[in-house]
Amino acid sequence: GLSMLKKLALQFTLAASLASITACGSSTSDAEYVSNARTYLAKQDYPAAQIELKNALMQNSENTAARQLLGKVHIAQGDYLSAEKELSRALALGASADEILPDLSALLLEFRRFDELQALDTSNLAVDVNRAIVLANQGRAYLAQGDHENGASYIEAAYEIAPQALPVMVAKADFLLSQFEEDAARDTLDQALALDKTYPPAWSLKGDLDFRDRMLESAEASFSK
C-alpha cells in the first residue's frame, strides 16, 4: 500500500525533475544566443561566437541577425563560401541591405560572380558609405569584364560618396591600373595601406601591380602579406 504510493511519488518527482532539466536546457532563446555571440565577437573569439550562432539557428533558422553575424565569423575565419551562403540567406529572409550588401558584394567579386554582383540592388541602402562600397565592387566587376566605361562610372560615383572608404580606394587604384596609370594606382594603394596596413584587397592589387612592373621580388612580398 504505502510503499506503492511512495514509489509512485518518487517516480513523479523524478519525472518532474527530468522535465525541469530538459526545460532548462532549451530555455535560452535565439536572441540570447545572438547576444552571447556579439560578446564573443567583440573579443574576437570566433569559435565561441560560431557555437552560439549555430545554437541560435537551431532555435530559429530564420533569425537574420544570427545568419548575418555567422557570415562575418566565416569571413574572419577565411571560409568565404560559407560566408556567402549565410549572407545570401539572411538577405533572402529580409535582413537589412546595409548589414549584408557591403560584405556580400566583396565576396561575389572575390568569386568572380559578376552578374550576381551587378544585379545587387543598392536602392535600399540607407548608409552612404555602404552604397559607395557596393558601387565600387560593382565597378571593379565591370573592369574585370573589360567594360571600362561602366567601371569608371560606378567607381567615380563611389569615390564622390566616400573617397576614404578602403574598398573605394582600391577600386580607384584598380581603375587607374586599367588606364595604365601605374604610379597613380600605386600612390592610391599606399594611401589605403596607410589607413589599414593589413587590408587584403589592397595588398592583392599591389601584388598585381608589382608583377606587372616585373618587380617579382616585391610582388612575392606583397602576395605573402
N, C-alpha and C. Protein backbone atom coordinates (compact mmCIF):
# COMPACT_ATOMS: atom_id res chain seq x y z
N GLY A 1 0.83 -1.21 0.00
CA GLY A 1 0.00 0.00 0.00
C GLY A 1 0.85 1.23 0.00
N LEU A 2 1.41 1.56 1.19
CA LEU A 2 2.13 2.83 1.33
C LEU A 2 3.40 2.83 0.48
N SER A 3 4.07 1.66 0.46
CA SER A 3 5.30 1.60 -0.32
C SER A 3 5.03 1.85 -1.81
N MET A 4 3.87 1.39 -2.30
CA MET A 4 3.49 1.64 -3.69
C MET A 4 3.27 3.13 -3.93
N LEU A 5 2.58 3.77 -2.95
CA LEU A 5 2.36 5.23 -3.05
C LEU A 5 3.69 5.98 -3.06
N LYS A 6 4.60 5.54 -2.18
CA LYS A 6 5.93 6.19 -2.11
C LYS A 6 6.66 6.03 -3.45
N LYS A 7 6.52 4.82 -4.01
CA LYS A 7 7.18 4.54 -5.29
C LYS A 7 6.63 5.44 -6.40
N LEU A 8 5.30 5.59 -6.43
CA LEU A 8 4.66 6.45 -7.43
C LEU A 8 5.08 7.90 -7.23
N ALA A 9 5.12 8.31 -5.96
CA ALA A 9 5.52 9.70 -5.64
C ALA A 9 6.95 9.96 -6.10
N LEU A 10 7.80 8.97 -5.86
CA LEU A 10 9.21 9.09 -6.26
C LEU A 10 9.33 9.19 -7.79
N GLN A 11 8.57 8.31 -8.47
CA GLN A 11 8.60 8.33 -9.94
C GLN A 11 8.12 9.69 -10.46
N PHE A 12 7.07 10.23 -9.82
CA PHE A 12 6.53 11.53 -10.25
C PHE A 12 7.57 12.64 -10.05
N THR A 13 8.20 12.59 -8.87
CA THR A 13 9.23 13.60 -8.56
C THR A 13 10.38 13.52 -9.57
N LEU A 14 10.81 12.29 -9.89
CA LEU A 14 11.90 12.08 -10.85
C LEU A 14 11.51 12.61 -12.23
N ALA A 15 10.27 12.29 -12.64
CA ALA A 15 9.78 12.76 -13.95
C ALA A 15 9.75 14.29 -13.99
N ALA A 16 9.29 14.89 -12.89
CA ALA A 16 9.23 16.35 -12.82
C ALA A 16 10.63 16.97 -12.89
N SER A 17 11.58 16.32 -12.21
CA SER A 17 12.97 16.82 -12.23
C SER A 17 13.55 16.76 -13.64
N LEU A 18 13.31 15.63 -14.32
CA LEU A 18 13.82 15.48 -15.69
C LEU A 18 13.20 16.52 -16.62
N ALA A 19 11.90 16.74 -16.46
CA ALA A 19 11.21 17.75 -17.28
C ALA A 19 11.82 19.12 -17.05
N SER A 20 12.13 19.39 -15.77
CA SER A 20 12.72 20.69 -15.40
C SER A 20 14.09 20.86 -16.04
N ILE A 21 14.88 19.78 -15.97
CA ILE A 21 16.24 19.83 -16.56
C ILE A 21 16.14 20.06 -18.07
N THR A 22 15.23 19.34 -18.73
CA THR A 22 15.05 19.49 -20.18
C THR A 22 14.64 20.92 -20.51
N ALA A 23 13.74 21.46 -19.71
CA ALA A 23 13.28 22.84 -19.95
C ALA A 23 14.43 23.82 -19.81
N CYS A 24 15.26 23.59 -18.77
CA CYS A 24 16.41 24.49 -18.57
C CYS A 24 17.35 24.43 -19.76
N GLY A 25 17.53 23.22 -20.29
CA GLY A 25 18.44 23.03 -21.41
C GLY A 25 18.04 23.81 -22.64
N SER A 26 16.76 24.05 -22.83
CA SER A 26 16.30 24.73 -24.04
C SER A 26 15.70 26.11 -23.74
N SER A 27 15.98 26.62 -22.52
CA SER A 27 15.33 27.86 -22.13
C SER A 27 16.01 29.10 -22.72
N THR A 28 17.23 28.93 -23.25
CA THR A 28 17.92 30.06 -23.86
C THR A 28 17.28 30.37 -25.21
N SER A 29 16.87 31.62 -25.39
CA SER A 29 16.21 31.99 -26.65
C SER A 29 17.25 32.26 -27.73
N ASP A 30 16.80 32.27 -28.99
CA ASP A 30 17.72 32.56 -30.10
C ASP A 30 18.32 33.96 -29.93
N ALA A 31 17.52 34.90 -29.42
CA ALA A 31 18.02 36.28 -29.22
C ALA A 31 19.14 36.31 -28.19
N GLU A 32 19.00 35.48 -27.14
CA GLU A 32 20.05 35.43 -26.10
C GLU A 32 21.33 34.81 -26.66
N TYR A 33 21.18 33.78 -27.49
CA TYR A 33 22.37 33.19 -28.13
C TYR A 33 23.08 34.24 -29.00
N VAL A 34 22.30 35.03 -29.73
CA VAL A 34 22.90 36.07 -30.59
C VAL A 34 23.61 37.11 -29.72
N SER A 35 22.99 37.48 -28.61
CA SER A 35 23.61 38.44 -27.69
C SER A 35 24.93 37.91 -27.15
N ASN A 36 24.94 36.62 -26.77
CA ASN A 36 26.19 35.99 -26.30
C ASN A 36 27.24 36.01 -27.41
N ALA A 37 26.80 35.74 -28.64
CA ALA A 37 27.73 35.72 -29.77
C ALA A 37 28.37 37.09 -29.98
N ARG A 38 27.56 38.14 -29.85
CA ARG A 38 28.11 39.51 -30.01
C ARG A 38 29.22 39.78 -28.99
N THR A 39 29.03 39.27 -27.77
CA THR A 39 30.05 39.44 -26.72
C THR A 39 31.35 38.74 -27.13
N TYR A 40 31.21 37.52 -27.64
CA TYR A 40 32.41 36.79 -28.09
C TYR A 40 33.06 37.47 -29.30
N LEU A 41 32.23 37.98 -30.22
CA LEU A 41 32.76 38.66 -31.40
C LEU A 41 33.58 39.89 -31.00
N ALA A 42 33.10 40.62 -29.99
CA ALA A 42 33.82 41.81 -29.52
C ALA A 42 35.21 41.44 -29.01
N LYS A 43 35.35 40.19 -28.54
CA LYS A 43 36.66 39.70 -28.06
C LYS A 43 37.41 38.96 -29.16
N GLN A 44 36.83 38.91 -30.36
CA GLN A 44 37.40 38.18 -31.50
C GLN A 44 37.56 36.69 -31.20
N ASP A 45 36.67 36.17 -30.36
CA ASP A 45 36.65 34.73 -30.07
C ASP A 45 35.65 34.09 -31.05
N TYR A 46 36.14 33.83 -32.26
CA TYR A 46 35.25 33.40 -33.34
C TYR A 46 34.69 31.98 -33.15
N PRO A 47 35.47 31.02 -32.66
CA PRO A 47 34.89 29.68 -32.45
C PRO A 47 33.73 29.70 -31.45
N ALA A 48 33.88 30.45 -30.34
CA ALA A 48 32.81 30.53 -29.34
C ALA A 48 31.59 31.24 -29.92
N ALA A 49 31.82 32.31 -30.70
CA ALA A 49 30.71 33.02 -31.34
C ALA A 49 29.97 32.10 -32.30
N GLN A 50 30.73 31.29 -33.04
CA GLN A 50 30.12 30.38 -34.02
C GLN A 50 29.19 29.38 -33.33
N ILE A 51 29.61 28.85 -32.18
CA ILE A 51 28.77 27.90 -31.44
C ILE A 51 27.46 28.56 -31.02
N GLU A 52 27.56 29.79 -30.47
CA GLU A 52 26.35 30.50 -30.03
C GLU A 52 25.40 30.76 -31.21
N LEU A 53 25.96 31.14 -32.34
CA LEU A 53 25.13 31.46 -33.51
C LEU A 53 24.47 30.21 -34.09
N LYS A 54 25.19 29.10 -34.06
CA LYS A 54 24.58 27.86 -34.55
C LYS A 54 23.46 27.41 -33.61
N ASN A 55 23.65 27.64 -32.30
CA ASN A 55 22.58 27.35 -31.34
C ASN A 55 21.36 28.23 -31.61
N ALA A 56 21.62 29.50 -31.91
CA ALA A 56 20.52 30.42 -32.22
C ALA A 56 19.73 29.93 -33.43
N LEU A 57 20.44 29.46 -34.44
CA LEU A 57 19.78 29.00 -35.67
C LEU A 57 19.06 27.66 -35.47
N MET A 58 19.52 26.87 -34.51
CA MET A 58 18.79 25.65 -34.17
C MET A 58 17.44 26.01 -33.52
N GLN A 59 17.44 27.09 -32.74
CA GLN A 59 16.19 27.56 -32.13
C GLN A 59 15.28 28.22 -33.16
N ASN A 60 15.91 29.00 -34.07
CA ASN A 60 15.13 29.75 -35.06
C ASN A 60 15.96 29.91 -36.32
N SER A 61 15.70 29.07 -37.30
CA SER A 61 16.51 29.06 -38.52
C SER A 61 16.33 30.34 -39.35
N GLU A 62 15.34 31.16 -39.02
CA GLU A 62 15.09 32.39 -39.78
C GLU A 62 15.57 33.64 -39.03
N ASN A 63 16.43 33.45 -38.04
CA ASN A 63 16.99 34.61 -37.32
C ASN A 63 18.04 35.27 -38.22
N THR A 64 17.67 36.40 -38.80
CA THR A 64 18.56 37.05 -39.78
C THR A 64 19.83 37.58 -39.14
N ALA A 65 19.74 38.07 -37.90
CA ALA A 65 20.94 38.59 -37.21
C ALA A 65 21.96 37.47 -37.01
N ALA A 66 21.46 36.29 -36.65
CA ALA A 66 22.37 35.15 -36.45
C ALA A 66 23.06 34.78 -37.75
N ARG A 67 22.32 34.76 -38.85
CA ARG A 67 22.92 34.40 -40.15
C ARG A 67 23.93 35.47 -40.60
N GLN A 68 23.56 36.73 -40.40
CA GLN A 68 24.47 37.82 -40.80
C GLN A 68 25.78 37.76 -40.00
N LEU A 69 25.66 37.57 -38.68
CA LEU A 69 26.85 37.50 -37.83
C LEU A 69 27.67 36.25 -38.12
N LEU A 70 26.98 35.14 -38.42
CA LEU A 70 27.70 33.92 -38.78
C LEU A 70 28.48 34.13 -40.08
N GLY A 71 27.90 34.90 -40.99
CA GLY A 71 28.62 35.27 -42.21
C GLY A 71 29.90 36.01 -41.89
N LYS A 72 29.82 36.95 -40.94
CA LYS A 72 31.01 37.72 -40.55
C LYS A 72 32.05 36.83 -39.88
N VAL A 73 31.59 35.87 -39.07
CA VAL A 73 32.51 34.92 -38.43
C VAL A 73 33.24 34.11 -39.50
N HIS A 74 32.50 33.63 -40.50
CA HIS A 74 33.12 32.85 -41.58
C HIS A 74 34.15 33.69 -42.35
N ILE A 75 33.83 34.98 -42.57
CA ILE A 75 34.79 35.87 -43.25
C ILE A 75 36.07 35.97 -42.43
N ALA A 76 35.90 36.19 -41.12
CA ALA A 76 37.07 36.33 -40.22
C ALA A 76 37.91 35.06 -40.22
N GLN A 77 37.25 33.91 -40.42
CA GLN A 77 37.96 32.63 -40.41
C GLN A 77 38.44 32.22 -41.80
N GLY A 78 38.13 33.05 -42.80
CA GLY A 78 38.59 32.76 -44.16
C GLY A 78 37.75 31.75 -44.91
N ASP A 79 36.56 31.42 -44.37
CA ASP A 79 35.66 30.48 -45.03
C ASP A 79 34.64 31.28 -45.85
N TYR A 80 35.08 31.74 -47.02
CA TYR A 80 34.27 32.69 -47.80
C TYR A 80 33.03 32.05 -48.43
N LEU A 81 33.13 30.77 -48.78
CA LEU A 81 31.97 30.09 -49.37
C LEU A 81 30.82 30.01 -48.37
N SER A 82 31.13 29.63 -47.13
CA SER A 82 30.10 29.56 -46.09
C SER A 82 29.58 30.95 -45.77
N ALA A 83 30.46 31.95 -45.79
CA ALA A 83 30.04 33.33 -45.52
C ALA A 83 29.02 33.80 -46.55
N GLU A 84 29.32 33.54 -47.82
CA GLU A 84 28.40 33.98 -48.89
C GLU A 84 27.04 33.30 -48.74
N LYS A 85 27.06 32.03 -48.39
CA LYS A 85 25.82 31.27 -48.22
C LYS A 85 24.96 31.89 -47.11
N GLU A 86 25.58 32.19 -45.97
CA GLU A 86 24.83 32.74 -44.83
C GLU A 86 24.31 34.15 -45.14
N LEU A 87 25.14 34.98 -45.76
CA LEU A 87 24.73 36.35 -46.06
C LEU A 87 23.60 36.37 -47.09
N SER A 88 23.69 35.52 -48.10
CA SER A 88 22.63 35.45 -49.11
C SER A 88 21.32 34.99 -48.49
N ARG A 89 21.42 34.01 -47.58
CA ARG A 89 20.22 33.50 -46.90
C ARG A 89 19.61 34.60 -46.03
N ALA A 90 20.45 35.33 -45.32
CA ALA A 90 19.95 36.42 -44.46
C ALA A 90 19.23 37.47 -45.29
N LEU A 91 19.82 37.80 -46.44
CA LEU A 91 19.21 38.80 -47.32
C LEU A 91 17.85 38.32 -47.83
N ALA A 92 17.79 37.05 -48.22
CA ALA A 92 16.53 36.47 -48.70
C ALA A 92 15.46 36.46 -47.61
N LEU A 93 15.91 36.35 -46.35
CA LEU A 93 14.97 36.33 -45.22
C LEU A 93 14.56 37.74 -44.77
N GLY A 94 15.12 38.75 -45.45
CA GLY A 94 14.69 40.12 -45.15
C GLY A 94 15.64 40.93 -44.29
N ALA A 95 16.89 40.48 -44.17
CA ALA A 95 17.87 41.26 -43.40
C ALA A 95 18.11 42.61 -44.07
N SER A 96 18.57 43.55 -43.28
CA SER A 96 18.87 44.90 -43.78
C SER A 96 19.94 44.85 -44.86
N ALA A 97 19.69 45.53 -45.97
CA ALA A 97 20.67 45.60 -47.06
C ALA A 97 21.98 46.21 -46.56
N ASP A 98 21.87 47.19 -45.66
CA ASP A 98 23.09 47.84 -45.12
C ASP A 98 23.95 46.86 -44.34
N GLU A 99 23.33 45.87 -43.70
CA GLU A 99 24.08 44.88 -42.92
C GLU A 99 24.74 43.82 -43.82
N ILE A 100 24.19 43.61 -45.00
CA ILE A 100 24.59 42.47 -45.82
C ILE A 100 25.41 42.84 -47.05
N LEU A 101 24.94 43.84 -47.81
CA LEU A 101 25.49 44.06 -49.16
C LEU A 101 26.97 44.43 -49.22
N PRO A 102 27.51 45.24 -48.30
CA PRO A 102 28.94 45.53 -48.43
C PRO A 102 29.81 44.26 -48.41
N ASP A 103 29.55 43.37 -47.44
CA ASP A 103 30.32 42.12 -47.37
C ASP A 103 29.97 41.19 -48.52
N LEU A 104 28.69 41.07 -48.84
CA LEU A 104 28.27 40.15 -49.91
C LEU A 104 28.86 40.59 -51.26
N SER A 105 28.89 41.88 -51.52
CA SER A 105 29.43 42.37 -52.80
C SER A 105 30.92 42.05 -52.91
N ALA A 106 31.64 42.15 -51.79
CA ALA A 106 33.07 41.83 -51.80
C ALA A 106 33.29 40.34 -52.07
N LEU A 107 32.43 39.50 -51.49
CA LEU A 107 32.56 38.05 -51.71
C LEU A 107 32.25 37.67 -53.15
N LEU A 108 31.20 38.27 -53.72
CA LEU A 108 30.84 37.96 -55.11
C LEU A 108 31.96 38.43 -56.05
N LEU A 109 32.61 39.53 -55.72
CA LEU A 109 33.76 40.00 -56.52
C LEU A 109 34.90 38.99 -56.41
N GLU A 110 35.15 38.52 -55.20
CA GLU A 110 36.21 37.52 -54.96
C GLU A 110 35.95 36.25 -55.77
N PHE A 111 34.67 35.83 -55.86
CA PHE A 111 34.31 34.61 -56.57
C PHE A 111 34.12 34.84 -58.07
N ARG A 112 34.28 36.10 -58.50
CA ARG A 112 34.10 36.47 -59.92
C ARG A 112 32.69 36.15 -60.41
N ARG A 113 31.72 36.26 -59.53
CA ARG A 113 30.31 36.06 -59.89
C ARG A 113 29.73 37.44 -60.23
N PHE A 114 30.20 37.94 -61.36
CA PHE A 114 29.97 39.35 -61.71
C PHE A 114 28.50 39.67 -61.98
N ASP A 115 27.79 38.76 -62.63
CA ASP A 115 26.38 39.02 -62.93
C ASP A 115 25.57 39.20 -61.65
N GLU A 116 25.81 38.31 -60.67
CA GLU A 116 25.10 38.42 -59.40
C GLU A 116 25.47 39.71 -58.68
N LEU A 117 26.74 40.07 -58.75
CA LEU A 117 27.21 41.30 -58.10
C LEU A 117 26.55 42.52 -58.73
N GLN A 118 26.53 42.57 -60.05
CA GLN A 118 25.95 43.73 -60.73
C GLN A 118 24.43 43.80 -60.56
N ALA A 119 23.82 42.66 -60.22
CA ALA A 119 22.37 42.64 -60.02
C ALA A 119 21.96 43.10 -58.61
N LEU A 120 22.93 43.27 -57.70
CA LEU A 120 22.58 43.71 -56.34
C LEU A 120 21.92 45.09 -56.39
N ASP A 121 20.82 45.22 -55.66
CA ASP A 121 20.03 46.46 -55.65
C ASP A 121 20.55 47.38 -54.55
N THR A 122 21.13 48.50 -54.94
CA THR A 122 21.68 49.45 -53.96
C THR A 122 20.65 50.48 -53.49
N SER A 123 19.44 50.42 -54.05
CA SER A 123 18.44 51.46 -53.72
C SER A 123 17.95 51.38 -52.28
N ASN A 124 18.11 50.20 -51.65
CA ASN A 124 17.66 50.05 -50.27
C ASN A 124 18.74 50.38 -49.24
N LEU A 125 19.90 50.83 -49.70
CA LEU A 125 20.99 51.16 -48.78
C LEU A 125 20.79 52.56 -48.22
N ALA A 126 20.68 52.66 -46.90
CA ALA A 126 20.43 53.95 -46.26
C ALA A 126 21.73 54.66 -45.90
N VAL A 127 22.80 53.89 -45.72
CA VAL A 127 24.09 54.46 -45.28
C VAL A 127 24.96 54.72 -46.51
N ASP A 128 25.38 55.98 -46.67
CA ASP A 128 26.12 56.38 -47.88
C ASP A 128 27.36 55.53 -48.12
N VAL A 129 28.15 55.31 -47.07
CA VAL A 129 29.41 54.59 -47.27
C VAL A 129 29.14 53.15 -47.74
N ASN A 130 28.06 52.55 -47.29
CA ASN A 130 27.72 51.20 -47.75
C ASN A 130 27.38 51.19 -49.24
N ARG A 131 26.64 52.22 -49.67
CA ARG A 131 26.31 52.32 -51.10
C ARG A 131 27.60 52.51 -51.92
N ALA A 132 28.51 53.32 -51.40
CA ALA A 132 29.77 53.55 -52.10
C ALA A 132 30.57 52.25 -52.24
N ILE A 133 30.59 51.44 -51.18
CA ILE A 133 31.35 50.18 -51.21
C ILE A 133 30.78 49.23 -52.26
N VAL A 134 29.45 49.11 -52.29
CA VAL A 134 28.82 48.20 -53.26
C VAL A 134 29.05 48.71 -54.68
N LEU A 135 28.89 50.02 -54.90
CA LEU A 135 29.14 50.60 -56.23
C LEU A 135 30.59 50.36 -56.66
N ALA A 136 31.53 50.51 -55.72
CA ALA A 136 32.95 50.30 -56.04
C ALA A 136 33.19 48.85 -56.46
N ASN A 137 32.61 47.91 -55.73
CA ASN A 137 32.79 46.49 -56.08
C ASN A 137 32.11 46.16 -57.41
N GLN A 138 30.95 46.77 -57.66
CA GLN A 138 30.29 46.57 -58.96
C GLN A 138 31.15 47.16 -60.08
N GLY A 139 31.74 48.30 -59.83
CA GLY A 139 32.63 48.92 -60.82
C GLY A 139 33.83 48.04 -61.14
N ARG A 140 34.40 47.41 -60.11
CA ARG A 140 35.54 46.52 -60.33
C ARG A 140 35.13 45.29 -61.14
N ALA A 141 33.88 44.86 -60.96
CA ALA A 141 33.38 43.73 -61.76
C ALA A 141 33.31 44.11 -63.23
N TYR A 142 32.85 45.32 -63.50
CA TYR A 142 32.81 45.78 -64.91
C TYR A 142 34.22 45.86 -65.48
N LEU A 143 35.17 46.38 -64.69
CA LEU A 143 36.56 46.45 -65.17
C LEU A 143 37.08 45.06 -65.51
N ALA A 144 36.79 44.09 -64.64
CA ALA A 144 37.28 42.72 -64.85
C ALA A 144 36.70 42.11 -66.12
N GLN A 145 35.53 42.61 -66.53
CA GLN A 145 34.89 42.12 -67.76
C GLN A 145 35.29 42.95 -68.98
N GLY A 146 36.20 43.92 -68.77
CA GLY A 146 36.66 44.75 -69.88
C GLY A 146 35.75 45.92 -70.22
N ASP A 147 34.72 46.16 -69.39
CA ASP A 147 33.79 47.27 -69.62
C ASP A 147 34.29 48.48 -68.82
N HIS A 148 35.22 49.21 -69.41
CA HIS A 148 35.85 50.32 -68.69
C HIS A 148 34.92 51.50 -68.52
N GLU A 149 33.97 51.67 -69.43
CA GLU A 149 33.05 52.80 -69.33
C GLU A 149 32.16 52.69 -68.10
N ASN A 150 31.51 51.53 -67.94
CA ASN A 150 30.70 51.31 -66.75
C ASN A 150 31.56 51.24 -65.49
N GLY A 151 32.71 50.63 -65.61
CA GLY A 151 33.64 50.55 -64.48
C GLY A 151 33.97 51.93 -63.95
N ALA A 152 34.34 52.83 -64.88
CA ALA A 152 34.69 54.20 -64.50
C ALA A 152 33.50 54.91 -63.86
N SER A 153 32.32 54.73 -64.46
CA SER A 153 31.12 55.40 -63.97
C SER A 153 30.78 55.00 -62.54
N TYR A 154 30.80 53.71 -62.27
CA TYR A 154 30.45 53.21 -60.93
C TYR A 154 31.50 53.62 -59.90
N ILE A 155 32.77 53.50 -60.26
CA ILE A 155 33.83 53.82 -59.31
C ILE A 155 33.88 55.32 -59.04
N GLU A 156 33.64 56.12 -60.05
CA GLU A 156 33.58 57.57 -59.86
C GLU A 156 32.44 57.95 -58.91
N ALA A 157 31.28 57.31 -59.10
CA ALA A 157 30.13 57.58 -58.23
C ALA A 157 30.46 57.19 -56.78
N ALA A 158 31.13 56.06 -56.62
CA ALA A 158 31.52 55.60 -55.28
C ALA A 158 32.50 56.58 -54.64
N TYR A 159 33.47 57.06 -55.45
CA TYR A 159 34.51 57.95 -54.94
C TYR A 159 33.92 59.30 -54.51
N GLU A 160 32.91 59.76 -55.21
CA GLU A 160 32.26 61.02 -54.84
C GLU A 160 31.55 60.91 -53.49
N ILE A 161 31.05 59.71 -53.18
CA ILE A 161 30.32 59.50 -51.93
C ILE A 161 31.28 59.30 -50.75
N ALA A 162 32.29 58.43 -50.92
CA ALA A 162 33.15 58.04 -49.79
C ALA A 162 34.58 57.80 -50.25
N PRO A 163 35.33 58.89 -50.51
CA PRO A 163 36.70 58.73 -51.05
C PRO A 163 37.67 58.05 -50.08
N GLN A 164 37.34 58.04 -48.78
CA GLN A 164 38.25 57.45 -47.79
C GLN A 164 37.90 56.00 -47.43
N ALA A 165 36.82 55.46 -48.02
CA ALA A 165 36.47 54.06 -47.74
C ALA A 165 37.47 53.15 -48.45
N LEU A 166 38.02 52.19 -47.72
CA LEU A 166 39.09 51.35 -48.28
C LEU A 166 38.70 50.63 -49.57
N PRO A 167 37.50 50.00 -49.63
CA PRO A 167 37.16 49.33 -50.90
C PRO A 167 37.06 50.30 -52.07
N VAL A 168 36.67 51.55 -51.78
CA VAL A 168 36.57 52.58 -52.82
C VAL A 168 37.96 52.97 -53.30
N MET A 169 38.90 53.12 -52.36
CA MET A 169 40.28 53.47 -52.72
C MET A 169 40.91 52.38 -53.58
N VAL A 170 40.66 51.13 -53.23
CA VAL A 170 41.22 50.02 -54.01
C VAL A 170 40.58 49.98 -55.40
N ALA A 171 39.28 50.26 -55.46
CA ALA A 171 38.59 50.30 -56.76
C ALA A 171 39.18 51.41 -57.64
N LYS A 172 39.46 52.56 -57.02
CA LYS A 172 40.07 53.66 -57.78
C LYS A 172 41.44 53.24 -58.34
N ALA A 173 42.22 52.58 -57.48
CA ALA A 173 43.54 52.10 -57.92
C ALA A 173 43.40 51.09 -59.06
N ASP A 174 42.38 50.23 -58.95
CA ASP A 174 42.13 49.23 -59.99
C ASP A 174 41.81 49.92 -61.32
N PHE A 175 40.98 50.98 -61.24
CA PHE A 175 40.65 51.72 -62.46
C PHE A 175 41.89 52.40 -63.04
N LEU A 176 42.69 53.04 -62.19
CA LEU A 176 43.92 53.70 -62.65
C LEU A 176 44.85 52.68 -63.32
N LEU A 177 44.92 51.49 -62.75
CA LEU A 177 45.75 50.44 -63.32
C LEU A 177 45.23 50.03 -64.70
N SER A 178 43.89 50.00 -64.84
CA SER A 178 43.31 49.64 -66.14
C SER A 178 43.60 50.69 -67.21
N GLN A 179 43.89 51.92 -66.75
CA GLN A 179 44.26 53.02 -67.67
C GLN A 179 45.79 53.17 -67.81
N PHE A 180 46.52 52.21 -67.26
CA PHE A 180 48.00 52.20 -67.30
C PHE A 180 48.62 53.37 -66.55
N GLU A 181 47.86 53.93 -65.61
CA GLU A 181 48.40 54.99 -64.75
C GLU A 181 48.96 54.33 -63.48
N GLU A 182 50.09 53.66 -63.66
CA GLU A 182 50.59 52.79 -62.59
C GLU A 182 51.10 53.56 -61.39
N ASP A 183 51.72 54.70 -61.60
CA ASP A 183 52.23 55.49 -60.46
C ASP A 183 51.07 56.00 -59.61
N ALA A 184 50.02 56.48 -60.27
CA ALA A 184 48.84 56.98 -59.54
C ALA A 184 48.15 55.83 -58.80
N ALA A 185 48.10 54.66 -59.43
CA ALA A 185 47.50 53.49 -58.78
C ALA A 185 48.29 53.11 -57.53
N ARG A 186 49.61 53.14 -57.66
CA ARG A 186 50.46 52.78 -56.52
C ARG A 186 50.28 53.79 -55.37
N ASP A 187 50.21 55.08 -55.71
CA ASP A 187 50.00 56.11 -54.69
C ASP A 187 48.68 55.88 -53.94
N THR A 188 47.63 55.53 -54.69
CA THR A 188 46.31 55.31 -54.08
C THR A 188 46.35 54.11 -53.15
N LEU A 189 47.02 53.04 -53.57
CA LEU A 189 47.14 51.85 -52.72
C LEU A 189 47.95 52.15 -51.47
N ASP A 190 49.00 52.96 -51.62
CA ASP A 190 49.81 53.34 -50.45
C ASP A 190 48.96 54.14 -49.45
N GLN A 191 48.08 54.99 -49.97
CA GLN A 191 47.17 55.75 -49.08
C GLN A 191 46.22 54.81 -48.35
N ALA A 192 45.70 53.81 -49.06
CA ALA A 192 44.80 52.83 -48.44
C ALA A 192 45.52 52.04 -47.35
N LEU A 193 46.74 51.62 -47.65
CA LEU A 193 47.51 50.83 -46.68
C LEU A 193 47.99 51.67 -45.50
N ALA A 194 48.08 52.98 -45.69
CA ALA A 194 48.39 53.86 -44.57
C ALA A 194 47.22 53.90 -43.58
N LEU A 195 46.00 53.71 -44.09
CA LEU A 195 44.82 53.68 -43.23
C LEU A 195 44.67 52.32 -42.56
N ASP A 196 45.00 51.25 -43.28
CA ASP A 196 44.93 49.89 -42.73
C ASP A 196 46.01 49.04 -43.40
N LYS A 197 47.11 48.85 -42.68
CA LYS A 197 48.27 48.18 -43.29
C LYS A 197 48.04 46.69 -43.53
N THR A 198 46.91 46.14 -43.04
CA THR A 198 46.64 44.71 -43.24
C THR A 198 45.53 44.46 -44.26
N TYR A 199 45.03 45.49 -44.94
CA TYR A 199 43.84 45.33 -45.78
C TYR A 199 44.14 44.43 -46.98
N PRO A 200 43.61 43.19 -47.01
CA PRO A 200 44.00 42.21 -48.05
C PRO A 200 43.76 42.66 -49.50
N PRO A 201 42.59 43.27 -49.85
CA PRO A 201 42.42 43.65 -51.26
C PRO A 201 43.47 44.63 -51.76
N ALA A 202 43.94 45.51 -50.86
CA ALA A 202 44.98 46.47 -51.27
C ALA A 202 46.30 45.74 -51.54
N TRP A 203 46.65 44.80 -50.66
CA TRP A 203 47.89 44.04 -50.88
C TRP A 203 47.80 43.18 -52.14
N SER A 204 46.63 42.62 -52.38
CA SER A 204 46.44 41.78 -53.57
C SER A 204 46.66 42.58 -54.85
N LEU A 205 46.05 43.78 -54.90
CA LEU A 205 46.19 44.61 -56.10
C LEU A 205 47.62 45.14 -56.22
N LYS A 206 48.23 45.44 -55.08
CA LYS A 206 49.63 45.89 -55.09
C LYS A 206 50.52 44.77 -55.64
N GLY A 207 50.18 43.53 -55.31
CA GLY A 207 50.93 42.40 -55.86
C GLY A 207 50.78 42.32 -57.37
N ASP A 208 49.54 42.54 -57.85
CA ASP A 208 49.31 42.55 -59.31
C ASP A 208 50.13 43.65 -59.97
N LEU A 209 50.16 44.81 -59.34
CA LEU A 209 50.87 45.97 -59.89
C LEU A 209 52.38 45.70 -59.92
N ASP A 210 52.89 45.15 -58.81
CA ASP A 210 54.32 44.82 -58.76
C ASP A 210 54.68 43.80 -59.84
N PHE A 211 53.79 42.83 -60.00
CA PHE A 211 54.04 41.78 -61.01
C PHE A 211 54.08 42.39 -62.40
N ARG A 212 53.15 43.32 -62.67
CA ARG A 212 53.13 43.97 -63.97
C ARG A 212 54.39 44.77 -64.22
N ASP A 213 54.92 45.33 -63.16
CA ASP A 213 56.16 46.10 -63.28
C ASP A 213 57.40 45.20 -63.30
N ARG A 214 57.14 43.88 -63.32
CA ARG A 214 58.23 42.88 -63.29
C ARG A 214 59.10 43.00 -62.04
N MET A 215 58.46 43.56 -60.98
CA MET A 215 59.20 43.62 -59.71
C MET A 215 58.86 42.34 -58.96
N LEU A 216 59.39 41.23 -59.44
CA LEU A 216 58.95 39.92 -58.97
C LEU A 216 59.22 39.72 -57.48
N GLU A 217 60.33 40.22 -57.02
CA GLU A 217 60.67 40.05 -55.61
C GLU A 217 59.67 40.80 -54.73
N SER A 218 59.37 42.03 -55.15
CA SER A 218 58.41 42.84 -54.41
C SER A 218 57.01 42.25 -54.50
N ALA A 219 56.68 41.69 -55.66
CA ALA A 219 55.36 41.06 -55.84
C ALA A 219 55.18 39.90 -54.87
N GLU A 220 56.25 39.09 -54.74
CA GLU A 220 56.19 37.95 -53.84
C GLU A 220 55.95 38.41 -52.41
N ALA A 221 56.61 39.50 -52.01
CA ALA A 221 56.43 40.04 -50.65
C ALA A 221 55.00 40.51 -50.43
N SER A 222 54.42 41.18 -51.43
CA SER A 222 53.06 41.69 -51.32
C SER A 222 52.04 40.56 -51.25
N PHE A 223 52.22 39.55 -52.10
CA PHE A 223 51.25 38.44 -52.11
C PHE A 223 51.28 37.62 -50.83
N SER A 224 52.44 37.64 -50.14
CA SER A 224 52.57 36.83 -48.93
C SER A 224 52.05 37.54 -47.68
N LYS A 225 51.58 38.79 -47.83
CA LYS A 225 51.08 39.55 -46.68
C LYS A 225 49.79 38.93 -46.16
